[in-house]
């Protein structure tokens, strides 16, 4: 690795929860701050439509190396003073396999802005976290993050064998491809996403780029071995996430079995063999309920370089969660009333997804029942080969009739919720619905939710990222 090994990696969480403010706060004090790369196109678009009242986005855009591109994004999305509170956010084009030039520009610019702001004012490394499941933005998004100097790329929710090669190519401003999963595809099906930086570079010689370290998130030691064997570029280490981590979890190995309350049951086969990981010889970090000084010491004793911590940082003041949601969750923890449910069906991805129970969010079935089904963001759509040979897309969280008409199975609809819109609700950017109400949030936290009181003082529910780091490192 070209960076020093941090003892703490701050998890890349949600849409805008691990925002630039949180990543900057963690990196400033010598650990690895990580911005979430999920949905950054919409995050930037909504910040600009809200008027960019602090001016941070426009300040970052003033440093973007391709000023004409930055100006096009501003001209399309910036609303001076902000849109009216009851006005909906602009509907943006949804990603397509074959390139959409303006949307690719938005991916590049949005990822640049988030990493630039996280790196502003200090010289320590900053990372970015992507989900392999959301494949279409990968190429332009990673390029934008690299233009801003991202030092580490972390990727989970899938098996990201192509990303090491992509990082090699993009660091040299060379064209790259990414194979998109298409259900029912045939050998002749064109599933390649293509991205050529030459089509976006303005002026003469583009800036020199750092090739980021690549840390895939894994749930088994065999997956680590397979990634090293199949990746076309270098892998610098691993983040090992257990089923106690928040967000999407890997499903249990073997047939799915549920507990009496409907949660997936994990067993011995789901425990990573750390002796095998030590033999590989690359650094690794342990995640999933490692947010205490005791667990940090345990991880180091097991040969880990450190830990990845999410939940503790998700509830600190620099987090992107709205203050109302964040403080309500901390009060629940202090009162000993936390509940995190590993829902096997809520996510359109089919992966188990941890949902923190909080009134007024999509974790409450009665709130979700009032919501009109719609797939207007489309991050978690799946692609499939239609009978005419064209590629279609569908999502089990879209209207039922539309999903079934596209060949979706009725049983795949049961229990599904729109994770995409729910995650924007968590950060105060929920879409305004036709009845004038806003999309409610759907909060995801890990099992360490119950322990966040350790970071609070007796007279306040607020604590900082620095408080977390100080406490964890003793």
Protein backbone atom coordinates (compact mmCIF):
# COMPACT_ATOMS: atom_id res chain seq x y z
CA UNK A 1 0.00 0.00 0.00
CA UNK A 2 1.17 3.53 -0.68
CA UNK A 3 -0.54 4.88 2.45
CA UNK A 4 0.30 4.13 6.07
CA UNK A 5 -2.03 1.54 7.59
CA UNK A 6 -4.74 3.20 9.68
CA UNK A 7 -6.02 1.45 12.78
CA UNK A 8 -9.52 2.77 12.02
CA UNK A 9 -11.29 2.89 8.69
CA UNK A 10 -14.49 4.91 8.91
CA UNK A 11 -17.16 2.98 7.02
CA UNK A 12 -18.67 4.32 3.81
CA UNK A 13 -22.35 4.40 4.72
CA UNK A 14 -25.67 4.95 3.05
CA UNK A 15 -26.35 7.77 0.64
CA UNK A 16 -24.63 10.86 2.02
CA UNK A 17 -24.31 9.56 5.59
CA UNK A 18 -20.56 9.20 5.14
CA UNK A 19 -20.37 12.64 3.60
CA UNK A 20 -17.33 14.83 3.04
CA UNK A 21 -17.63 16.45 6.47
CA UNK A 22 -17.42 13.11 8.26
CA UNK A 23 -14.57 11.79 6.10
CA UNK A 24 -12.65 15.03 6.52
CA UNK A 25 -13.06 14.93 10.31
CA UNK A 26 -11.73 11.36 10.51
CA UNK A 27 -8.84 11.88 8.09
CA UNK A 28 -7.75 15.10 9.80
CA UNK A 29 -6.94 13.14 12.95
CA UNK A 30 -4.89 10.50 11.18
CA UNK A 31 -7.35 7.68 10.49
CA UNK A 32 -8.93 6.84 7.12
CA UNK A 33 -12.00 8.95 6.38
CA UNK A 34 -14.19 7.46 3.65
CA UNK A 35 -16.96 9.11 1.66
CA UNK A 36 -19.87 7.06 0.40
CA UNK A 37 -19.85 6.95 -3.39
CA UNK A 38 -23.43 5.70 -3.57
CA UNK A 39 -25.81 8.05 -5.36
CA UNK A 40 -23.38 10.98 -5.46
CA UNK A 41 -24.87 12.17 -8.75
CA UNK A 42 -28.22 12.73 -7.04
CA UNK A 43 -26.59 14.06 -3.86
CA UNK A 44 -24.79 16.82 -5.79
CA UNK A 45 -27.85 17.51 -7.92
CA UNK A 46 -30.05 17.98 -4.84
CA UNK A 47 -27.48 20.09 -3.01
CA UNK A 48 -27.34 22.41 -6.00
CA UNK A 49 -31.14 22.53 -6.29
CA UNK A 50 -31.27 23.39 -2.58
CA UNK A 51 -29.09 26.39 -3.40
CA UNK A 52 -25.69 25.15 -2.14
CA UNK A 53 -26.26 27.57 0.71
CA UNK A 54 -22.81 27.09 2.25
CA UNK A 55 -21.15 27.44 -1.14
CA UNK A 56 -19.03 24.30 -0.68
CA UNK A 57 -20.08 22.60 -3.91
CA UNK A 58 -19.35 25.68 -6.00
CA UNK A 59 -16.02 26.12 -4.25
CA UNK A 60 -15.05 22.55 -5.18
CA UNK A 61 -16.26 23.07 -8.75
CA UNK A 62 -14.01 26.10 -9.05
CA UNK A 63 -11.07 23.70 -8.61
CA UNK A 64 -12.38 21.09 -11.07
CA UNK A 65 -9.78 20.59 -13.85
CA UNK A 66 -12.35 20.75 -16.67
CA UNK A 67 -14.19 24.07 -16.14
CA UNK A 68 -16.58 23.81 -19.09
CA UNK A 69 -17.93 20.52 -17.74
CA UNK A 70 -18.35 22.03 -14.29
CA UNK A 71 -20.25 24.97 -15.78
CA UNK A 72 -22.60 22.66 -17.69
CA UNK A 73 -23.53 20.90 -14.44
CA UNK A 74 -24.11 24.23 -12.68
CA UNK A 75 -26.21 25.56 -15.55
CA UNK A 76 -28.38 22.43 -15.46
CA UNK A 77 -28.91 22.05 -11.73
CA UNK A 78 -28.01 25.09 -9.62
CA UNK A 79 -30.98 27.04 -8.22
CA UNK A 80 -29.82 30.36 -6.64
CA UNK A 81 -31.36 30.59 -3.17
CA UNK A 82 -32.71 27.06 -3.48
CA UNK A 83 -35.91 25.60 -4.87
CA UNK A 84 -39.18 26.14 -3.03
CA UNK A 85 -39.47 23.70 -0.10
CA UNK A 86 -42.64 22.11 -1.49
CA UNK A 87 -41.26 21.78 -5.02
CA UNK A 88 -39.97 18.31 -6.01
CA UNK A 89 -36.38 17.75 -7.00
CA UNK A 90 -35.73 17.54 -10.72
CA UNK A 91 -35.99 14.04 -12.16
CA UNK A 92 -32.65 13.09 -13.69
CA UNK A 93 -32.03 10.56 -16.45
CA UNK A 94 -31.49 7.04 -15.15
CA UNK A 95 -28.21 5.33 -15.95
CA UNK A 96 -27.97 3.24 -19.10
CA UNK A 97 -25.42 0.67 -20.21
CA UNK A 98 -24.53 2.56 -23.36
CA UNK A 99 -23.06 5.92 -22.51
CA UNK A 100 -25.12 8.99 -21.64
CA UNK A 101 -22.56 11.78 -21.95
CA UNK A 102 -24.19 14.39 -19.67
CA UNK A 103 -24.91 11.81 -16.98
CA UNK A 104 -21.32 10.60 -17.14
CA UNK A 105 -20.22 14.20 -16.66
CA UNK A 106 -22.43 14.42 -13.58
CA UNK A 107 -20.86 11.22 -12.18
CA UNK A 108 -17.36 12.60 -12.74
CA UNK A 109 -18.12 15.99 -11.23
CA UNK A 110 -20.10 14.67 -8.24
CA UNK A 111 -17.38 12.24 -7.20
CA UNK A 112 -14.73 14.93 -7.61
CA UNK A 113 -16.67 17.36 -5.41
CA UNK A 114 -17.14 14.89 -2.54
CA UNK A 115 -13.52 13.76 -2.44
CA UNK A 116 -12.15 17.29 -2.96
CA UNK A 117 -14.12 18.62 0.00
CA UNK A 118 -13.13 15.65 2.19
CA UNK A 119 -9.45 16.33 1.39
CA UNK A 120 -9.66 20.09 1.85
CA UNK A 121 -7.53 21.61 4.60
CA UNK A 122 -5.28 18.64 5.38
CA UNK A 123 -2.84 16.29 3.65
CA UNK A 124 -3.99 12.90 4.96
CA UNK A 125 -5.50 10.16 2.74
CA UNK A 126 -9.21 9.98 1.98
CA UNK A 127 -11.06 6.96 0.59
CA UNK A 128 -14.32 6.36 -1.26
CA UNK A 129 -16.69 3.41 -0.94
CA UNK A 130 -18.72 1.95 -3.82
CA UNK A 131 -21.24 -0.88 -4.10
CA UNK A 132 -20.45 -3.45 -6.78
CA UNK A 133 -24.20 -3.96 -7.18
CA UNK A 134 -24.55 -0.40 -8.57
CA UNK A 135 -22.32 -1.01 -11.58
CA UNK A 136 -23.29 1.58 -14.18
CA UNK A 137 -21.60 4.62 -12.58
CA UNK A 138 -18.35 2.82 -11.66
CA UNK A 139 -16.12 4.02 -14.49
CA UNK A 140 -16.87 7.77 -14.58
CA UNK A 141 -17.38 7.84 -10.79
CA UNK A 142 -13.96 6.35 -10.07
CA UNK A 143 -12.37 8.71 -12.60
CA UNK A 144 -13.93 11.72 -10.87
CA UNK A 145 -12.76 10.50 -7.45
CA UNK A 146 -9.24 10.02 -8.81
CA UNK A 147 -9.23 13.52 -10.30
CA UNK A 148 -9.77 14.75 -6.73
CA UNK A 149 -6.99 12.56 -5.31
CA UNK A 150 -8.84 9.65 -3.67
CA UNK A 151 -6.17 7.45 -2.07
CA UNK A 152 -8.27 4.33 -1.45
CA UNK A 153 -11.24 2.69 -3.17
CA UNK A 154 -13.29 0.29 -1.04
CA UNK A 155 -15.98 -1.84 -2.66
CA UNK A 156 -18.54 -4.29 -1.30
CA UNK A 157 -22.00 -5.72 -2.12
CA UNK A 158 -20.65 -8.10 -4.73
CA UNK A 159 -17.43 -9.53 -6.15
CA UNK A 160 -15.52 -6.61 -7.71
CA UNK A 161 -12.96 -8.52 -9.80
CA UNK A 162 -12.83 -5.85 -12.52
CA UNK A 163 -12.12 -2.78 -10.42
CA UNK A 164 -8.34 -3.29 -9.90
CA UNK A 165 -7.80 -3.32 -13.68
CA UNK A 166 -10.08 -0.30 -14.08
CA UNK A 167 -8.10 1.72 -11.56
CA UNK A 168 -4.88 0.91 -13.41
CA UNK A 169 -6.33 2.13 -16.72
CA UNK A 170 -8.05 5.25 -15.43
CA UNK A 171 -4.96 6.34 -13.51
CA UNK A 172 -3.32 6.63 -16.95
CA UNK A 173 -6.38 8.35 -18.48
CA UNK A 174 -6.94 5.29 -20.67
CA UNK A 175 -10.27 3.87 -21.81
CA UNK A 176 -11.80 1.15 -19.64
CA UNK A 177 -14.70 -1.28 -19.85
CA UNK A 178 -16.90 -2.87 -17.21
CA UNK A 179 -19.03 -5.97 -17.71
CA UNK A 180 -22.60 -5.32 -16.56
CA UNK A 181 -24.61 -8.21 -15.17
CA UNK A 182 -27.56 -8.95 -17.45
CA UNK A 183 -29.87 -11.81 -16.50
CA UNK A 184 -30.30 -14.27 -19.36
CA UNK A 185 -27.51 -12.72 -21.41
CA UNK A 186 -25.95 -14.72 -24.23
CA UNK A 187 -22.35 -14.72 -25.47
CA UNK A 188 -23.28 -12.26 -28.20
CA UNK A 189 -25.11 -9.88 -25.82
CA UNK A 190 -23.30 -6.53 -25.59
CA UNK A 191 -23.13 -5.97 -21.83
CA UNK A 192 -20.03 -3.78 -21.79
CA UNK A 193 -20.03 -0.37 -20.19
CA UNK A 194 -17.36 1.71 -21.97
CA UNK A 195 -15.69 4.87 -20.68
CA UNK A 196 -12.95 6.84 -22.41
CA UNK A 197 -11.51 9.80 -20.47
CA UNK A 198 -10.33 11.33 -23.77
CA UNK A 199 -13.96 12.22 -24.53
CA UNK A 200 -14.15 14.37 -21.39
CA UNK A 201 -10.69 15.92 -21.00
CA UNK A 202 -10.54 19.62 -21.83
CA UNK A 203 -7.44 21.48 -23.00
CA UNK A 204 -3.99 19.92 -23.18
CA UNK A 205 -2.33 17.44 -20.87
CA UNK A 206 -4.67 16.17 -18.12
CA UNK A 207 -3.49 16.16 -14.49
CA UNK A 208 -1.36 13.25 -13.27
CA UNK A 209 -3.45 10.80 -11.25
CA UNK A 210 -2.68 8.61 -8.26
CA UNK A 211 -3.74 4.98 -8.64
CA UNK A 212 -5.75 4.41 -5.43
CA UNK A 213 -5.20 1.40 -3.22
CA UNK A 214 -8.02 -1.11 -3.67
CA UNK A 215 -9.66 -2.77 -0.65
CA UNK A 216 -12.57 -5.11 -1.50
CA UNK A 217 -15.06 -5.94 1.24
CA UNK A 218 -15.30 -9.69 1.70
CA UNK A 219 -17.20 -12.12 3.90
CA UNK A 220 -15.03 -15.24 3.39
CA UNK A 221 -11.35 -16.07 3.08
CA UNK A 222 -12.05 -18.08 -0.08
CA UNK A 223 -13.38 -14.90 -1.69
CA UNK A 224 -10.11 -13.15 -0.89
CA UNK A 225 -8.15 -15.90 -2.64
CA UNK A 226 -10.45 -15.81 -5.66
CA UNK A 227 -10.15 -12.03 -6.00
CA UNK A 228 -6.37 -12.20 -5.95
CA UNK A 229 -6.42 -14.92 -8.60
CA UNK A 230 -8.93 -13.32 -10.97
CA UNK A 231 -8.31 -9.59 -10.63
CA UNK A 232 -6.45 -8.00 -13.52
CA UNK A 233 -4.76 -5.45 -11.24
CA UNK A 234 -3.38 -5.24 -7.74
CA UNK A 235 -5.38 -5.66 -4.53
CA UNK A 236 -3.77 -3.91 -1.57
CA UNK A 237 -5.77 -5.43 1.29
CA UNK A 238 -9.22 -6.49 2.46
CA UNK A 239 -12.04 -5.33 4.68
CA UNK A 240 -13.69 -8.35 6.29
CA UNK A 241 -17.33 -7.65 7.21
CA UNK A 242 -19.32 -9.97 9.41
CA UNK A 243 -23.13 -10.19 9.58
CA UNK A 244 -23.28 -7.73 12.50
CA UNK A 245 -22.31 -4.85 10.17
CA UNK A 246 -24.96 -2.38 9.03
CA UNK A 247 -26.29 -1.95 5.51
CA UNK A 248 -26.29 -4.91 3.13
CA UNK A 249 -24.97 -8.17 4.56
CA UNK A 250 -23.75 -11.17 2.63
CA UNK A 251 -26.39 -13.92 2.80
CA UNK A 252 -25.60 -16.95 4.96
CA UNK A 253 -23.70 -19.69 3.21
CA UNK A 254 -25.87 -22.70 2.38
CA UNK A 255 -29.69 -22.86 2.42
CA UNK A 256 -31.34 -19.78 3.92
CA UNK A 257 -32.82 -20.45 7.33
CA UNK A 258 -34.73 -17.86 9.36
CA UNK A 259 -35.03 -17.35 13.09
CA UNK A 260 -38.42 -17.25 14.82
CA UNK A 261 -38.61 -13.49 14.22
CA UNK A 262 -37.70 -13.81 10.53
CA UNK A 263 -34.00 -12.94 10.46
CA UNK A 264 -31.35 -14.95 8.57
CA UNK A 265 -29.42 -17.42 10.72
CA UNK A 266 -25.64 -17.30 10.34
CA UNK A 267 -23.42 -20.18 11.40
CA UNK A 268 -19.87 -21.46 11.57
CA UNK A 269 -19.51 -21.44 7.77
CA UNK A 270 -19.98 -17.66 7.82
CA UNK A 271 -16.98 -17.03 10.08
CA UNK A 272 -13.86 -15.95 8.18
CA UNK A 273 -10.75 -18.06 8.79
CA UNK A 274 -8.29 -15.43 10.01
CA UNK A 275 -5.38 -17.87 9.88
CA UNK A 276 -5.97 -18.13 6.12
CA UNK A 277 -6.10 -14.35 5.89
CA UNK A 278 -2.82 -14.02 7.75
CA UNK A 279 -1.20 -16.46 5.33
CA UNK A 280 -2.25 -14.34 2.35
CA UNK A 281 0.07 -11.68 3.69
CA UNK A 282 -1.95 -8.58 2.83
CA UNK A 283 -3.33 -6.19 5.47
CA UNK A 284 -6.93 -6.67 6.51
CA UNK A 285 -9.42 -4.81 8.67
CA UNK A 286 -12.31 -6.36 10.60
CA UNK A 287 -15.79 -4.85 10.47
CA UNK A 288 -19.15 -5.60 12.04
CA UNK A 289 -19.54 -4.69 15.75
CA UNK A 290 -15.88 -3.73 16.20
CA UNK A 291 -16.71 -0.29 17.61
CA UNK A 292 -15.21 -0.61 21.08
CA UNK A 293 -11.68 -0.40 22.51
CA UNK A 294 -11.86 -4.08 23.44
CA UNK A 295 -12.76 -5.14 19.90
CA UNK A 296 -10.00 -2.98 18.44
CA UNK A 297 -7.47 -4.72 20.69
CA UNK A 298 -8.95 -8.09 19.78
CA UNK A 299 -8.66 -7.35 16.05
CA UNK A 300 -5.03 -6.25 16.38
CA UNK A 301 -4.24 -9.38 18.40
CA UNK A 302 -5.78 -11.47 15.59
CA UNK A 303 -3.35 -9.99 13.09
CA UNK A 304 -5.62 -7.32 11.60
CA UNK A 305 -4.22 -3.92 10.67
CA UNK A 306 -7.24 -2.45 12.43
CA UNK A 307 -11.01 -2.20 12.24
CA UNK A 308 -13.71 -0.69 10.06
CA UNK A 309 -16.28 1.21 12.14
CA UNK A 310 -19.57 2.47 10.75
CA UNK A 311 -22.42 2.81 13.24
CA UNK A 312 -20.50 4.90 15.78
CA UNK A 313 -19.58 7.39 13.05
CA UNK A 314 -23.07 7.34 11.52
CA UNK A 315 -24.45 8.82 14.74
CA UNK A 316 -21.78 11.48 15.35
CA UNK A 317 -22.45 15.15 14.63
CA UNK A 318 -20.46 15.22 11.36
CA UNK A 319 -22.63 12.45 9.89
CA UNK A 320 -25.02 13.27 7.07
CA UNK A 321 -28.05 11.95 8.98
CA UNK A 322 -30.48 14.73 9.82
CA UNK A 323 -30.01 15.94 13.41
CA UNK A 324 -33.56 14.85 14.25
CA UNK A 325 -32.99 11.25 13.12
CA UNK A 326 -29.48 11.05 14.55
CA UNK A 327 -30.42 12.38 17.99
CA UNK A 328 -33.55 10.24 18.19
CA UNK A 329 -31.45 7.15 17.51
CA UNK A 330 -28.86 8.06 20.14
CA UNK A 331 -31.63 8.64 22.70
CA UNK A 332 -32.94 5.14 21.94
CA UNK A 333 -29.48 3.72 22.55
CA UNK A 334 -29.10 5.59 25.84
CA UNK A 335 -32.52 4.33 26.93
CA UNK A 336 -31.61 0.73 26.05
CA UNK A 337 -34.38 0.54 23.45
CA UNK A 338 -32.40 -0.21 20.30
CA UNK A 339 -33.66 -2.67 17.73
CA UNK A 340 -31.93 -3.64 14.50
CA UNK A 341 -33.70 -6.13 12.24
CA UNK A 342 -31.79 -8.02 9.55
CA UNK A 343 -34.51 -8.04 6.92
CA UNK A 344 -34.05 -10.82 4.35
CA UNK A 345 -36.38 -9.27 1.74
CA UNK A 346 -36.59 -5.48 2.17
CA UNK A 347 -33.79 -4.68 -0.30
CA UNK A 348 -34.44 -5.02 -4.04
CA UNK A 349 -30.94 -6.51 -4.30
CA UNK A 350 -31.95 -9.73 -2.57
CA UNK A 351 -29.19 -9.24 0.03
CA UNK A 352 -30.18 -9.12 3.71
CA UNK A 353 -30.37 -5.50 4.85
CA UNK A 354 -30.18 -4.21 8.40
CA UNK A 355 -32.98 -1.82 9.36
CA UNK A 356 -32.88 0.26 12.56
CA UNK A 357 -36.32 0.64 14.06
CA UNK A 358 -37.31 4.30 14.41
CA UNK A 359 -40.76 5.87 14.27
CA UNK A 360 -41.44 7.92 11.16
CA UNK A 361 -39.07 6.00 8.88
CA UNK A 362 -39.67 3.16 6.45
CA UNK A 363 -38.78 0.71 9.22
CA UNK A 364 -42.39 1.20 10.32
CA UNK A 365 -44.63 -0.91 8.07
CA UNK A 366 -47.60 1.43 8.41
CA UNK A 367 -45.58 4.36 7.10
CA UNK A 368 -44.38 2.42 4.09
CA UNK A 369 -47.87 1.16 3.35
CA UNK A 370 -48.93 4.73 2.55
CA UNK A 371 -46.15 5.20 0.01
CA UNK A 372 -46.79 4.99 -3.72
CA UNK A 373 -44.52 2.42 -5.35
CA UNK A 374 -42.15 4.06 -7.79
CA UNK A 375 -38.65 3.46 -9.16
CA UNK A 376 -37.54 6.97 -10.10
CA UNK A 377 -33.90 6.74 -8.98
CA UNK A 378 -33.13 3.25 -10.22
CA UNK A 379 -29.83 2.57 -8.48
CA UNK A 380 -30.78 -1.03 -7.62
CA UNK A 381 -32.49 -2.03 -10.85
CA UNK A 382 -31.53 -5.34 -12.41
CA UNK A 383 -30.92 -5.74 -16.13
CA UNK A 384 -32.32 -8.62 -18.15
CA UNK A 385 -32.39 -9.80 -21.75
CA UNK A 386 -35.78 -9.28 -23.36
CA UNK A 387 -37.30 -11.60 -25.93
CA UNK A 388 -36.39 -9.25 -28.77
CA UNK A 389 -32.72 -9.31 -27.78
CA UNK A 390 -32.77 -5.84 -26.25
CA UNK A 391 -31.72 -5.21 -22.65
CA UNK A 392 -34.44 -4.13 -20.22
CA UNK A 393 -34.40 -3.16 -16.57
CA UNK A 394 -36.75 -3.80 -13.66
CA UNK A 395 -36.93 -3.45 -9.90
CA UNK A 396 -39.14 -5.33 -7.45
CA UNK A 397 -39.76 -2.03 -5.64
CA UNK A 398 -41.39 -0.48 -8.75
CA UNK A 399 -45.17 -0.77 -9.33
CA UNK A 400 -46.14 -4.43 -9.15
CA UNK A 401 -47.83 -4.59 -12.56
CA UNK A 402 -44.82 -3.06 -14.29
CA UNK A 403 -42.39 -5.47 -12.62
CA UNK A 404 -44.44 -8.53 -13.53
CA UNK A 405 -44.97 -7.30 -17.11
CA UNK A 406 -41.19 -7.24 -17.46
CA UNK A 407 -40.92 -10.89 -16.47
CA UNK A 408 -40.41 -10.37 -12.74
CA UNK A 409 -41.63 -13.06 -10.38
CA UNK A 410 -44.58 -12.18 -8.11
CA UNK A 411 -42.81 -13.72 -5.10
CA UNK A 412 -39.93 -11.27 -5.55
CA UNK A 413 -42.28 -8.35 -4.80
CA UNK A 414 -43.19 -9.44 -1.27
CA UNK A 415 -41.68 -7.17 1.38
CA UNK A 416 -39.58 -5.10 -1.02
CA UNK A 417 -39.15 -1.39 -0.30
CA UNK A 418 -37.55 1.48 -2.17
CA UNK A 419 -34.18 1.61 -0.45
CA UNK A 420 -33.01 4.35 -2.83
CA UNK A 421 -35.60 6.97 -1.89
CA UNK A 422 -35.52 5.91 1.75
CA UNK A 423 -31.79 6.57 2.04
CA UNK A 424 -32.21 10.08 0.65
CA UNK A 425 -34.90 10.66 3.27
CA UNK A 426 -32.29 9.99 5.98
CA UNK A 427 -30.18 12.99 4.96
CA UNK A 428 -32.97 15.54 4.54
CA UNK A 429 -33.17 15.15 0.76
CA UNK A 430 -36.30 13.02 0.50
CA UNK A 431 -38.23 13.60 -2.69
CA UNK A 432 -41.48 15.59 -2.41
CA UNK A 433 -44.30 13.20 -3.26
CA UNK A 434 -47.47 14.13 -5.21
CA UNK A 435 -49.44 14.64 -1.97
CA UNK A 436 -46.87 17.18 -0.74
CA UNK A 437 -45.23 14.93 1.84
CA UNK A 438 -41.59 13.86 1.70
CA UNK A 439 -40.21 10.38 1.24
CA UNK A 440 -39.59 8.91 4.72
CA UNK A 441 -36.19 7.54 5.61
CA UNK A 442 -35.07 3.96 6.00
CA UNK A 443 -32.23 3.89 8.53
CA UNK A 444 -29.62 1.16 8.49
CA UNK A 445 -27.23 0.59 11.39
CA UNK A 446 -25.17 -2.33 12.65
CA UNK A 447 -25.57 -4.23 15.88
CA UNK A 448 -23.20 -1.77 17.57
CA UNK A 449 -26.18 0.62 17.66
CA UNK A 450 -26.81 -0.60 21.22
CA UNK A 451 -23.38 0.60 22.34
CA UNK A 452 -23.14 4.16 21.02
CA UNK A 453 -23.77 5.58 24.49
CA UNK A 454 -20.09 4.93 25.25
CA UNK A 455 -19.21 7.98 23.11
CA UNK A 456 -21.66 10.38 24.78
CA UNK A 457 -21.10 12.66 27.73
CA UNK A 458 -23.65 12.52 30.59
CA UNK A 459 -25.31 15.77 29.52
CA UNK A 460 -25.49 15.44 25.70
CA UNK A 461 -26.54 13.05 22.95
CA UNK A 462 -24.09 14.73 20.58
CA UNK A 463 -20.56 13.45 20.11
CA UNK A 464 -17.92 13.96 17.40
CA UNK A 465 -15.87 11.77 15.11
CA UNK A 466 -12.82 12.74 17.19
CA UNK A 467 -14.60 11.43 20.30
CA UNK A 468 -15.06 8.07 18.55
CA UNK A 469 -11.42 7.82 17.51
CA UNK A 470 -10.08 8.87 20.92
CA UNK A 471 -12.28 6.37 22.72
CA UNK A 472 -11.55 3.46 20.39
CA UNK A 473 -7.79 3.99 20.55
CA UNK A 474 -7.81 4.51 24.29
